[in-house]
């Protein structure tokens, strides 16, 4: 099995530098973004669902 990134010294994750980000986003697109990140970045959907509050729509709200 794979070990958590933090076990290898990773302390920060930068989202969006690959061209895929979580803002702006419509309420109806949450699942689409989760599936995209599962495929592109190999981040488990369960982790995204548990870790994201989805309390934004615009980039300023996200920041």
N, C-alpha and C. Protein backbone atom coordinates (compact mmCIF):
# COMPACT_ATOMS: atom_id res chain seq x y z
N UNK A 1 0.84 -1.20 0.00
CA UNK A 1 0.00 0.00 0.00
C UNK A 1 0.87 1.24 0.00
N UNK A 2 0.28 2.34 -0.40
CA UNK A 2 1.00 3.61 -0.42
C UNK A 2 0.93 4.28 0.95
N UNK A 3 2.00 4.96 1.31
CA UNK A 3 2.05 5.68 2.57
C UNK A 3 1.61 7.13 2.35
N UNK A 4 1.08 7.78 3.39
CA UNK A 4 0.70 9.19 3.27
C UNK A 4 1.89 10.06 2.87
N UNK A 5 1.63 11.08 2.09
CA UNK A 5 2.70 11.98 1.63
C UNK A 5 3.45 12.60 2.79
N UNK A 6 2.75 12.87 3.89
CA UNK A 6 3.41 13.51 5.04
C UNK A 6 4.52 12.64 5.62
N UNK A 7 4.44 11.34 5.42
CA UNK A 7 5.50 10.44 5.90
C UNK A 7 6.79 10.64 5.11
N UNK A 8 6.67 11.29 3.95
CA UNK A 8 7.83 11.51 3.09
C UNK A 8 8.29 12.96 3.12
N UNK A 9 7.78 13.74 4.09
CA UNK A 9 8.20 15.13 4.24
C UNK A 9 7.33 16.15 3.53
N UNK A 10 6.29 15.72 2.84
CA UNK A 10 5.40 16.65 2.15
C UNK A 10 4.50 17.32 3.19
N UNK A 11 4.54 18.65 3.25
CA UNK A 11 3.73 19.37 4.22
C UNK A 11 2.71 20.29 3.56
N UNK A 12 2.80 20.47 2.26
CA UNK A 12 1.91 21.40 1.55
C UNK A 12 1.49 20.79 0.22
N UNK A 13 0.23 21.00 -0.13
CA UNK A 13 -0.28 20.59 -1.43
C UNK A 13 -0.80 21.83 -2.13
N UNK A 14 -0.36 22.07 -3.35
CA UNK A 14 -0.80 23.23 -4.12
C UNK A 14 -1.78 22.74 -5.17
N UNK A 15 -3.02 23.21 -5.06
CA UNK A 15 -4.04 22.86 -6.05
C UNK A 15 -4.09 23.93 -7.12
N UNK A 16 -4.35 23.54 -8.33
CA UNK A 16 -4.59 24.48 -9.41
C UNK A 16 -3.40 24.72 -10.31
N UNK A 17 -2.18 24.35 -9.90
CA UNK A 17 -1.03 24.60 -10.75
C UNK A 17 -1.01 23.69 -11.98
N UNK A 18 -1.86 22.67 -11.99
CA UNK A 18 -1.95 21.77 -13.14
C UNK A 18 -3.06 22.22 -14.09
N UNK A 19 -3.76 23.31 -13.73
CA UNK A 19 -4.86 23.79 -14.54
C UNK A 19 -6.21 23.33 -14.04
N UNK A 20 -6.23 22.48 -13.02
CA UNK A 20 -7.48 22.00 -12.43
C UNK A 20 -7.57 22.58 -11.03
N UNK A 21 -8.65 23.28 -10.75
CA UNK A 21 -8.83 23.86 -9.42
C UNK A 21 -10.27 23.71 -8.96
N UNK A 22 -10.54 24.15 -7.77
CA UNK A 22 -11.86 24.00 -7.17
C UNK A 22 -12.66 25.30 -7.16
N UNK A 23 -12.20 26.32 -7.82
CA UNK A 23 -12.94 27.57 -7.88
C UNK A 23 -12.62 28.23 -9.21
N UNK A 24 -13.58 28.88 -9.80
CA UNK A 24 -14.99 28.91 -9.41
C UNK A 24 -15.66 27.57 -9.68
N UNK A 25 -16.74 27.32 -8.96
CA UNK A 25 -17.47 26.06 -9.13
C UNK A 25 -18.95 26.28 -8.84
N UNK A 26 -19.79 25.68 -9.67
CA UNK A 26 -21.23 25.68 -9.43
C UNK A 26 -21.56 24.53 -8.49
N UNK A 27 -22.62 24.69 -7.72
CA UNK A 27 -23.03 23.64 -6.78
C UNK A 27 -23.25 22.30 -7.48
N UNK A 28 -23.68 22.33 -8.73
CA UNK A 28 -23.97 21.10 -9.45
C UNK A 28 -22.72 20.40 -9.99
N UNK A 29 -21.55 21.03 -9.86
CA UNK A 29 -20.32 20.47 -10.43
C UNK A 29 -19.38 19.84 -9.41
N UNK A 30 -19.78 19.75 -8.15
CA UNK A 30 -18.89 19.20 -7.12
C UNK A 30 -18.45 17.78 -7.47
N UNK A 31 -19.39 16.92 -7.78
CA UNK A 31 -19.06 15.52 -8.06
C UNK A 31 -18.18 15.40 -9.30
N UNK A 32 -18.42 16.22 -10.29
CA UNK A 32 -17.60 16.20 -11.50
C UNK A 32 -16.14 16.54 -11.17
N UNK A 33 -15.94 17.54 -10.32
CA UNK A 33 -14.57 17.90 -9.93
C UNK A 33 -13.90 16.81 -9.10
N UNK A 34 -14.66 16.18 -8.22
CA UNK A 34 -14.11 15.08 -7.43
C UNK A 34 -13.65 13.95 -8.36
N UNK A 35 -14.47 13.59 -9.32
CA UNK A 35 -14.11 12.52 -10.26
C UNK A 35 -12.90 12.91 -11.09
N UNK A 36 -12.83 14.17 -11.49
CA UNK A 36 -11.70 14.65 -12.27
C UNK A 36 -10.40 14.56 -11.46
N UNK A 37 -10.46 14.98 -10.19
CA UNK A 37 -9.26 14.93 -9.35
C UNK A 37 -8.86 13.50 -9.02
N UNK A 38 -9.82 12.61 -8.94
CA UNK A 38 -9.50 11.19 -8.75
C UNK A 38 -8.67 10.67 -9.92
N UNK A 39 -9.04 11.09 -11.12
CA UNK A 39 -8.35 10.62 -12.32
C UNK A 39 -7.04 11.33 -12.59
N UNK A 40 -7.03 12.65 -12.46
CA UNK A 40 -5.86 13.45 -12.82
C UNK A 40 -4.78 13.39 -11.74
N UNK A 41 -5.18 13.55 -10.49
CA UNK A 41 -4.22 13.64 -9.38
C UNK A 41 -4.20 12.40 -8.49
N UNK A 42 -5.05 11.43 -8.78
CA UNK A 42 -5.11 10.18 -8.00
C UNK A 42 -5.41 10.44 -6.52
N UNK A 43 -6.29 11.43 -6.27
CA UNK A 43 -6.74 11.73 -4.91
C UNK A 43 -8.05 10.98 -4.69
N UNK A 44 -8.15 10.17 -3.65
CA UNK A 44 -9.39 9.41 -3.42
C UNK A 44 -10.59 10.33 -3.24
N UNK A 45 -11.68 9.99 -3.89
CA UNK A 45 -12.90 10.78 -3.79
C UNK A 45 -13.39 10.90 -2.37
N UNK A 46 -13.23 9.85 -1.58
CA UNK A 46 -13.68 9.91 -0.18
C UNK A 46 -12.91 10.99 0.58
N UNK A 47 -11.63 11.14 0.31
CA UNK A 47 -10.84 12.18 0.97
C UNK A 47 -11.31 13.56 0.56
N UNK A 48 -11.64 13.73 -0.71
CA UNK A 48 -12.12 15.03 -1.17
C UNK A 48 -13.49 15.35 -0.57
N UNK A 49 -14.37 14.37 -0.54
CA UNK A 49 -15.70 14.60 0.04
C UNK A 49 -15.60 14.94 1.52
N UNK A 50 -14.70 14.28 2.24
CA UNK A 50 -14.54 14.54 3.68
C UNK A 50 -13.79 15.84 3.95
N UNK A 51 -12.88 16.20 3.05
CA UNK A 51 -12.01 17.34 3.31
C UNK A 51 -12.48 18.68 2.77
N UNK A 52 -13.42 18.67 1.85
CA UNK A 52 -13.88 19.92 1.25
C UNK A 52 -15.26 20.29 1.78
N UNK A 53 -15.39 21.53 2.26
CA UNK A 53 -16.67 22.00 2.79
C UNK A 53 -17.61 22.45 1.68
N UNK A 54 -17.07 22.78 0.50
CA UNK A 54 -17.85 23.28 -0.63
C UNK A 54 -18.73 24.46 -0.23
N UNK A 55 -18.19 25.37 0.57
CA UNK A 55 -18.95 26.55 0.98
C UNK A 55 -18.56 27.78 0.18
N UNK A 56 -18.24 27.61 -1.09
CA UNK A 56 -17.89 28.69 -1.98
C UNK A 56 -18.39 28.38 -3.38
N UNK A 57 -18.49 29.43 -4.19
CA UNK A 57 -18.76 29.30 -5.62
C UNK A 57 -17.72 30.07 -6.43
N UNK A 58 -17.35 31.25 -5.94
CA UNK A 58 -16.42 32.10 -6.67
C UNK A 58 -14.99 31.94 -6.14
N UNK A 59 -14.04 32.44 -6.91
CA UNK A 59 -12.64 32.40 -6.47
C UNK A 59 -12.43 33.23 -5.20
N UNK A 60 -12.97 34.45 -5.10
CA UNK A 60 -12.80 35.21 -3.85
C UNK A 60 -13.38 34.48 -2.63
N UNK A 61 -14.51 33.81 -2.79
CA UNK A 61 -15.09 33.05 -1.67
C UNK A 61 -14.17 31.88 -1.29
N UNK A 62 -13.55 31.26 -2.27
CA UNK A 62 -12.64 30.14 -2.02
C UNK A 62 -11.40 30.59 -1.26
N UNK A 63 -10.87 31.75 -1.68
CA UNK A 63 -9.66 32.26 -1.04
C UNK A 63 -9.95 32.78 0.34
